[in-house]
Amino acid sequence: MIDFWKLRTELRMLGPAALLKIVLDQKERHCILNGNRACQFYFKYGGFGFCVSELSGQGCQAEKARQDAGDVEKAISGHRIESHRS
């Protein structure tokens, strides 16, 4: 039986460039964390799904994008946009 943690350690040792090469050699997959949408960072290895961003210690890029969009929306919703014409 393949050990998930052993594979994860092996992938972390490869580094981001090698991980991206693995991803580019596969078709784009749907990531569970990304609302089951296609994600360019998600790939299959040894029968398990992995994320390049998370293996690199950066966290899910799709999740960060949603959070950043929410922060921008909160900032905008608190301010009224006024138009000043001369």
Protein backbone atom coordinates (compact mmCIF):
# COMPACT_ATOMS: atom_id res chain seq x y z
CA MET A 1 0.00 0.00 0.00
CA ILE A 2 1.24 3.49 -0.89
CA ASP A 3 1.78 5.82 2.04
CA PHE A 4 0.37 9.34 1.50
CA TRP A 5 2.81 10.96 3.95
CA LYS A 6 5.82 9.31 2.29
CA LEU A 7 4.69 10.61 -1.12
CA ARG A 8 4.09 14.08 0.31
CA THR A 9 7.60 14.17 1.78
CA GLU A 10 9.05 12.96 -1.51
CA LEU A 11 7.21 15.69 -3.43
CA ARG A 12 8.25 18.43 -0.99
CA MET A 13 11.88 17.48 -1.56
CA LEU A 14 11.50 17.98 -5.33
CA GLY A 15 10.98 21.74 -5.16
CA PRO A 16 8.53 24.02 -6.99
CA ALA A 17 10.09 23.74 -10.48
CA ALA A 18 9.92 19.95 -10.52
CA LEU A 19 6.38 20.04 -9.10
CA LEU A 20 5.24 22.41 -11.83
CA LYS A 21 6.75 20.10 -14.44
CA ILE A 22 4.70 17.21 -13.05
CA VAL A 23 1.57 19.36 -13.19
CA LEU A 24 2.24 20.52 -16.75
CA ASP A 25 2.63 16.90 -17.88
CA GLN A 26 -0.94 16.13 -16.72
CA LYS A 27 -4.34 17.37 -17.78
CA GLU A 28 -5.94 20.04 -15.59
CA ARG A 29 -7.88 18.53 -12.69
CA HIS A 30 -10.70 19.62 -10.45
CA CYS A 31 -9.70 20.58 -6.93
CA ILE A 32 -12.01 19.95 -3.97
CA LEU A 33 -10.85 23.13 -2.18
CA ASN A 34 -11.52 25.24 -5.26
CA GLY A 35 -15.25 24.53 -5.34
CA ASN A 36 -14.59 21.52 -7.58
CA ARG A 37 -13.33 23.88 -10.32
CA ALA A 38 -10.30 23.24 -12.49
CA CYS A 39 -7.06 24.26 -10.79
CA GLN A 40 -3.70 24.55 -12.51
CA PHE A 41 -1.87 23.71 -9.26
CA TYR A 42 -3.67 20.43 -8.43
CA PHE A 43 -2.26 17.12 -9.67
CA LYS A 44 -2.37 13.38 -9.06
CA TYR A 45 0.70 11.49 -7.89
CA GLY A 46 0.83 7.93 -6.65
CA GLY A 47 -2.98 7.75 -6.61
CA PHE A 48 -3.39 10.81 -4.36
CA GLY A 49 -4.22 14.44 -5.11
CA PHE A 50 -1.69 17.13 -4.23
CA CYS A 51 -1.43 20.90 -4.61
CA VAL A 52 1.82 22.57 -5.72
CA SER A 53 1.05 25.68 -3.65
CA GLU A 54 0.45 23.77 -0.44
CA LEU A 55 3.50 21.53 -0.94
CA SER A 56 5.56 24.72 -1.35
CA GLY A 57 4.16 26.06 1.92
CA GLN A 58 2.08 28.81 0.31
CA GLY A 59 -1.42 27.47 0.91
CA CYS A 60 -4.24 27.17 -1.60
CA GLN A 61 -4.07 29.92 -4.24
CA ALA A 62 -7.80 29.65 -5.04
CA GLU A 63 -8.67 30.05 -1.37
CA LYS A 64 -6.39 33.11 -1.11
CA ALA A 65 -8.01 34.65 -4.19
CA ARG A 66 -11.50 34.20 -2.68
CA GLN A 67 -10.32 35.72 0.60
CA ASP A 68 -8.69 38.68 -1.17
CA ALA A 69 -11.86 39.26 -3.21
CA GLY A 70 -13.91 39.21 0.00
CA ASP A 71 -11.59 41.77 1.62
CA VAL A 72 -11.91 44.08 -1.39
CA GLU A 73 -15.70 43.69 -1.37
CA LYS A 74 -15.85 44.59 2.34
CA ALA A 75 -13.70 47.66 1.78
CA ILE A 76 -15.83 48.83 -1.14
CA SER A 77 -19.20 48.14 0.51
CA GLY A 78 -18.35 50.49 3.39
CA HIS A 79 -17.70 53.46 1.09
CA ARG A 80 -20.04 55.34 -1.22
CA ILE A 81 -18.52 56.28 -4.54
CA GLU A 82 -19.21 59.91 -5.44
CA SER A 83 -18.77 61.59 -8.75
CA HIS A 84 -17.63 65.21 -8.76
CA ARG A 85 -18.26 67.09 -11.99
CA SER A 86 -16.78 70.49 -12.70
